[in-house]
Amino acid sequence: MDISWDDARLFLAIAETGSISGAARRLRIGQPTVSRRLAALEYAVGAALFRRGVDGAALTAAGERLVPPAKKMAEWAGELQRAVESSDSSPRGLVRVTSTPYLGFDFLAPFAAFVDQKHPGLRLEVQSQVQYLDLARGEADLALRSRPPTSPDLKLVDTLEVTNGVFVSKALKARLPKKVTLQQLPWVAWAPPFDTVPPNPQLESLIPGFTPAFTADNYLLLVAAAEAGLGAMVLGRMAHRFQRPTNLVPLDLDLGPFSRSQTHLVCAKSALDIPRVRRVSELLLAEFQRIRAR
């Protein structure tokens, strides 16, 4: 039998999200459609690919065997799409950039406004999330990441190194001792399921018995809490020209081995063959150079 790419993509979405509902959200289709297409695929294969339960959809042995070739199919589908798009010589259209919530909110959103003003044919879609998207499969065109790529299918375009600092609201700073320590500060930090995301582990290693004053699973809530004076945040000192007004100010505190961090611009190896992706990459490189020059 022939398995179409649409069927393979649906199968992978269920396998990777662990549920019919998760696959429906990823593929932006209804749950009944996912269930119906999965039933048709299992009928065609002649085996159950998932065990459905209250906890979601778990792969069967037959399903496990299909995962590696389905992933390869996804990578080749992404490569095929990039090959088709590279034939268009005009840097126009949508470019999807994925990043951490911090960079998406603080840098990429205002950068997108700059791109829109200077290059009206280009549009940016910012996918801001903690989890990494699969660039080789074409889930995004460019990525700003805290770790360099390890996959041979990915290309490291540039790396920007920045210092990290402890920031509090002006009102909170006025209430703090003049020589406050990391241990004395109230902290704003990630809540589950993101409590292993930086800077939580770093703060736990620096502060015995680390207990945040406020936690949230949404970056905008963390910023709002810090600006309201609930606690301190660790932020990168990324001095770019698109910075928004804020009442957060830095404290003179040493974060030790965590005082510096890196932002890596990453893409699939063939992504820069696409004119619109290459142009946005060039604009990001120019902004990195501006930041270094400050």
Protein backbone atom coordinates (compact mmCIF):
# COMPACT_ATOMS: atom_id res chain seq x y z
CA MET A 1 0.00 0.00 0.00
CA ASP A 2 1.05 3.64 -0.47
CA ILE A 3 1.06 5.92 2.58
CA SER A 4 0.58 9.55 1.60
CA TRP A 5 2.47 12.39 3.25
CA ASP A 6 -0.81 13.66 4.69
CA ASP A 7 -1.33 10.32 6.44
CA ALA A 8 2.28 10.21 7.66
CA ARG A 9 2.02 13.75 9.01
CA LEU A 10 -1.19 12.90 10.85
CA PHE A 11 0.41 9.75 12.30
CA LEU A 12 3.46 11.72 13.48
CA ALA A 13 1.33 14.45 15.01
CA ILE A 14 -0.50 11.89 17.16
CA ALA A 15 2.73 10.08 18.06
CA GLU A 16 4.53 13.26 19.09
CA THR A 17 1.70 15.01 20.93
CA GLY A 18 0.43 11.81 22.51
CA SER A 19 -3.23 12.49 21.85
CA ILE A 20 -5.89 12.97 19.20
CA SER A 21 -6.66 16.44 20.55
CA GLY A 22 -2.99 17.45 20.48
CA ALA A 23 -2.66 16.31 16.88
CA ALA A 24 -5.81 18.23 15.96
CA ARG A 25 -4.37 21.42 17.45
CA ARG A 26 -1.04 20.95 15.67
CA LEU A 27 -2.64 20.23 12.31
CA ARG A 28 -5.41 22.80 12.83
CA ILE A 29 -8.19 20.40 12.00
CA GLY A 30 -11.05 18.96 14.05
CA GLN A 31 -10.68 15.98 16.38
CA PRO A 32 -13.35 13.98 14.49
CA THR A 33 -11.33 14.44 11.29
CA VAL A 34 -8.17 13.17 13.01
CA SER A 35 -10.02 10.15 14.43
CA ARG A 36 -11.61 9.35 11.07
CA ARG A 37 -8.35 9.61 9.14
CA LEU A 38 -6.48 7.56 11.74
CA ALA A 39 -9.11 4.81 11.54
CA ALA A 40 -8.75 4.77 7.74
CA LEU A 41 -4.95 4.60 8.03
CA GLU A 42 -5.08 1.73 10.53
CA TYR A 43 -7.53 -0.13 8.29
CA ALA A 44 -5.19 0.32 5.31
CA VAL A 45 -2.14 -0.79 7.32
CA GLY A 46 -4.03 -3.72 8.81
CA ALA A 47 -2.92 -3.01 12.38
CA ALA A 48 -3.71 -0.74 15.30
CA LEU A 49 -1.07 1.99 15.52
CA PHE A 50 -2.18 3.47 18.86
CA ARG A 51 -3.80 2.34 22.09
CA ARG A 52 -6.41 4.91 23.07
CA GLY A 53 -7.01 5.61 26.74
CA VAL A 54 -7.89 8.34 29.21
CA ASP A 55 -4.25 9.46 29.15
CA GLY A 56 -4.15 9.87 25.38
CA ALA A 57 -2.85 7.73 22.53
CA ALA A 58 0.14 5.44 23.09
CA LEU A 59 2.02 3.80 20.24
CA THR A 60 1.60 0.08 19.68
CA ALA A 61 4.51 -2.06 18.48
CA ALA A 62 3.26 -1.61 14.91
CA GLY A 63 3.12 2.15 15.44
CA GLU A 64 6.64 2.24 16.89
CA ARG A 65 8.01 0.67 13.69
CA LEU A 66 6.48 3.44 11.59
CA VAL A 67 7.97 6.36 13.55
CA PRO A 68 11.54 6.42 12.09
CA PRO A 69 10.47 6.25 8.41
CA ALA A 70 7.66 8.74 9.07
CA LYS A 71 10.20 11.19 10.53
CA LYS A 72 12.40 10.74 7.46
CA MET A 73 9.38 11.37 5.27
CA ALA A 74 8.71 14.59 7.19
CA GLU A 75 12.30 15.76 6.73
CA TRP A 76 12.20 15.06 2.99
CA ALA A 77 8.86 16.83 2.69
CA GLY A 78 10.46 19.88 4.30
CA GLU A 79 13.43 19.62 1.95
CA LEU A 80 11.13 19.31 -1.07
CA GLN A 81 9.17 22.39 0.00
CA ARG A 82 12.38 24.41 0.40
CA ALA A 83 13.60 23.28 -3.03
CA VAL A 84 10.34 24.46 -4.61
CA GLU A 85 10.43 27.80 -2.80
CA SER A 86 14.09 28.46 -3.66
CA SER A 87 13.13 28.83 -7.32
CA ASP A 88 11.26 32.06 -6.47
CA SER A 89 13.85 34.83 -6.81
CA SER A 90 11.72 37.45 -5.06
CA PRO A 91 12.21 37.94 -1.29
CA ARG A 92 8.49 38.15 -0.60
CA GLY A 93 6.05 36.21 1.55
CA LEU A 94 5.86 34.68 5.02
CA VAL A 95 8.93 33.79 7.10
CA ARG A 96 8.35 31.81 10.29
CA VAL A 97 10.79 32.49 13.12
CA THR A 98 10.73 30.50 16.34
CA SER A 99 12.33 31.60 19.59
CA THR A 100 12.11 31.58 23.36
CA PRO A 101 9.20 33.57 24.83
CA TYR A 102 11.65 36.24 26.05
CA LEU A 103 13.17 36.87 22.62
CA GLY A 104 9.80 36.66 20.90
CA PHE A 105 8.27 39.32 23.14
CA ASP A 106 11.25 41.59 23.68
CA PHE A 107 12.98 41.44 20.29
CA LEU A 108 11.21 39.61 17.46
CA ALA A 109 7.81 41.32 17.74
CA PRO A 110 9.24 44.86 17.35
CA PHE A 111 11.76 43.54 14.79
CA ALA A 112 8.78 42.28 12.77
CA ALA A 113 7.36 45.81 12.76
CA PHE A 114 10.70 47.08 11.41
CA VAL A 115 10.68 44.44 8.66
CA ASP A 116 7.11 45.36 7.74
CA GLN A 117 8.02 49.05 7.40
CA LYS A 118 11.23 48.57 5.43
CA HIS A 119 10.30 45.48 3.41
CA PRO A 120 6.52 45.46 2.90
CA GLY A 121 6.68 42.30 0.79
CA LEU A 122 7.95 40.29 3.77
CA ARG A 123 5.80 39.08 6.67
CA LEU A 124 7.04 37.50 9.88
CA GLU A 125 5.25 34.87 11.92
CA VAL A 126 6.82 34.52 15.37
CA GLN A 127 6.33 31.16 17.05
CA SER A 128 7.31 31.85 20.65
CA GLN A 129 7.55 28.74 22.79
CA VAL A 130 9.76 26.79 25.15
CA GLN A 131 9.89 23.63 23.02
CA TYR A 132 12.10 23.49 19.95
CA LEU A 133 10.38 23.18 16.58
CA ASP A 134 11.81 20.84 13.94
CA LEU A 135 13.51 23.07 11.37
CA ALA A 136 14.50 20.16 9.13
CA ARG A 137 10.82 19.25 8.75
CA GLY A 138 9.91 22.82 7.90
CA GLU A 139 8.01 23.59 11.13
CA ALA A 140 9.78 26.99 11.07
CA ASP A 141 12.24 28.74 8.76
CA LEU A 142 14.60 30.34 11.27
CA ALA A 143 15.20 29.86 14.99
CA LEU A 144 16.77 31.87 17.80
CA ARG A 145 17.95 29.28 20.32
CA SER A 146 19.95 29.13 23.52
CA ARG A 147 21.85 26.04 22.36
CA PRO A 148 23.79 25.51 19.11
CA PRO A 149 22.49 22.85 16.70
CA THR A 150 23.77 19.30 16.93
CA SER A 151 21.87 17.83 13.97
CA PRO A 152 23.79 17.58 10.66
CA ASP A 153 20.62 18.79 8.93
CA LEU A 154 20.87 22.22 10.59
CA LYS A 155 23.12 25.22 10.00
CA LEU A 156 24.45 27.63 12.63
CA VAL A 157 24.21 31.07 11.00
CA ASP A 158 25.52 33.25 13.84
CA THR A 159 25.93 33.40 17.61
CA LEU A 160 25.32 36.44 19.80
CA GLU A 161 26.73 36.45 23.33
CA VAL A 162 25.07 38.65 25.94
CA THR A 163 25.45 39.24 29.66
CA ASN A 164 22.63 38.31 32.02
CA GLY A 165 21.43 40.51 34.83
CA VAL A 166 19.01 40.58 37.74
CA PHE A 167 16.18 43.05 37.14
CA VAL A 168 13.53 44.44 39.49
CA SER A 169 10.96 47.20 39.33
CA LYS A 170 12.03 50.65 40.50
CA ALA A 171 9.51 50.42 43.34
CA LEU A 172 10.92 47.09 44.55
CA LYS A 173 14.50 48.35 44.31
CA ALA A 174 13.60 51.27 46.60
CA ARG A 175 12.46 48.78 49.27
CA LEU A 176 15.53 46.54 49.09
CA PRO A 177 18.66 46.77 51.25
CA LYS A 178 21.49 48.63 49.55
CA LYS A 179 23.66 45.51 49.44
CA VAL A 180 20.98 42.93 48.75
CA THR A 181 22.03 39.36 47.95
CA LEU A 182 20.51 36.82 45.59
CA GLN A 183 19.20 34.91 48.61
CA GLN A 184 17.36 37.96 50.00
CA LEU A 185 15.43 38.72 46.83
CA PRO A 186 11.87 37.65 46.10
CA TRP A 187 11.88 35.92 42.72
CA VAL A 188 9.57 35.59 39.76
CA ALA A 189 10.10 32.23 38.03
CA TRP A 190 8.62 29.56 35.78
CA ALA A 191 5.85 27.30 37.07
CA PRO A 192 5.32 23.66 36.00
CA PRO A 193 5.52 22.28 33.40
CA PHE A 194 8.29 24.77 32.61
CA ASP A 195 10.04 24.73 36.00
CA THR A 196 13.14 23.13 34.46
CA VAL A 197 13.50 25.97 31.94
CA PRO A 198 16.25 28.57 32.58
CA PRO A 199 16.76 30.45 34.77
CA ASN A 200 15.00 28.19 37.30
CA PRO A 201 17.74 25.49 37.46
CA GLN A 202 20.46 28.14 37.62
CA LEU A 203 18.74 29.99 40.46
CA GLU A 204 18.23 26.71 42.31
CA SER A 205 21.97 26.05 42.12
CA LEU A 206 22.83 29.56 43.36
CA ILE A 207 20.18 29.87 46.08
CA PRO A 208 19.79 27.04 48.63
CA GLY A 209 16.11 26.22 49.12
CA PHE A 210 15.08 28.42 46.21
CA THR A 211 11.38 29.26 46.57
CA PRO A 212 9.96 31.86 44.16
CA ALA A 213 7.55 34.51 45.39
CA PHE A 214 5.54 34.15 42.18
CA THR A 215 5.42 31.55 39.42
CA ALA A 216 3.58 31.36 36.11
CA ASP A 217 3.61 29.24 32.96
CA ASN A 218 3.40 32.29 30.70
CA TYR A 219 6.25 34.72 30.02
CA LEU A 220 4.00 37.79 29.78
CA LEU A 221 2.66 37.02 33.26
CA LEU A 222 6.22 36.79 34.59
CA VAL A 223 7.10 40.19 33.13
CA ALA A 224 3.88 41.73 34.44
CA ALA A 225 4.57 40.36 37.92
CA ALA A 226 8.15 41.69 37.91
CA GLU A 227 7.01 45.12 36.69
CA ALA A 228 4.37 45.15 39.44
CA GLY A 229 7.11 44.66 42.03
CA LEU A 230 6.41 41.04 42.96
CA GLY A 231 9.97 39.90 42.45
CA ALA A 232 13.21 39.82 40.50
CA MET A 233 13.82 38.31 37.06
CA VAL A 234 16.95 37.17 35.26
CA LEU A 235 17.04 38.81 31.83
CA GLY A 236 19.61 39.11 29.08
CA ARG A 237 21.14 42.55 28.61
CA MET A 238 20.40 42.50 24.89
CA ALA A 239 20.72 46.21 24.09
CA HIS A 240 18.85 46.38 20.80
CA ARG A 241 17.20 49.41 19.21
CA PHE A 242 13.65 48.03 19.49
CA GLN A 243 13.52 47.89 23.29
CA ARG A 244 10.18 48.81 24.80
CA PRO A 245 9.81 51.19 27.77
CA THR A 246 9.86 49.34 31.10
CA ASN A 247 10.23 50.14 34.77
CA LEU A 248 12.63 47.24 35.31
CA VAL A 249 16.14 48.23 36.37
CA PRO A 250 19.27 46.10 36.90
CA LEU A 251 20.78 45.27 40.28
CA ASP A 252 24.52 45.02 40.82
CA LEU A 253 24.58 41.29 41.48
CA ASP A 254 26.85 38.53 40.20
CA LEU A 255 25.22 35.47 38.66
CA GLY A 256 28.54 33.64 38.64
CA PRO A 257 28.82 31.00 35.90
CA PHE A 258 25.39 32.05 34.60
CA SER A 259 26.32 35.68 34.00
CA ARG A 260 26.57 35.14 30.24
CA SER A 261 24.38 33.38 27.69
CA GLN A 262 24.27 32.85 23.95
CA THR A 263 21.61 33.26 21.30
CA HIS A 264 22.13 31.14 18.19
CA LEU A 265 20.54 31.88 14.82
CA VAL A 266 19.78 28.47 13.30
CA CYS A 267 18.09 27.17 10.14
CA ALA A 268 17.83 24.05 8.01
CA LYS A 269 20.86 23.73 5.73
CA SER A 270 18.93 24.52 2.58
CA ALA A 271 16.68 27.22 4.09
CA LEU A 272 18.92 30.12 3.04
CA ASP A 273 18.39 29.12 -0.60
CA ILE A 274 14.90 30.60 -0.23
CA PRO A 275 15.20 34.35 -0.96
CA ARG A 276 12.72 35.54 1.68
CA VAL A 277 14.33 33.42 4.40
CA ARG A 278 17.80 34.56 3.36
CA ARG A 279 16.69 38.22 3.49
CA VAL A 280 15.26 37.93 7.01
CA SER A 281 18.39 36.08 8.10
CA GLU A 282 20.50 38.95 6.73
CA LEU A 283 18.37 41.48 8.61
CA LEU A 284 18.79 39.51 11.84
CA LEU A 285 22.55 39.33 11.28
CA ALA A 286 22.63 43.10 10.84
CA GLU A 287 20.78 43.54 14.16
CA PHE A 288 23.24 41.19 15.87
CA GLN A 289 26.07 43.37 14.57
CA ARG A 290 24.36 46.51 15.88
CA ILE A 291 24.02 44.92 19.31
CA ARG A 292 27.70 43.92 19.36
CA ALA A 293 28.72 47.46 18.39
CA ARG A 294 26.83 49.06 21.31
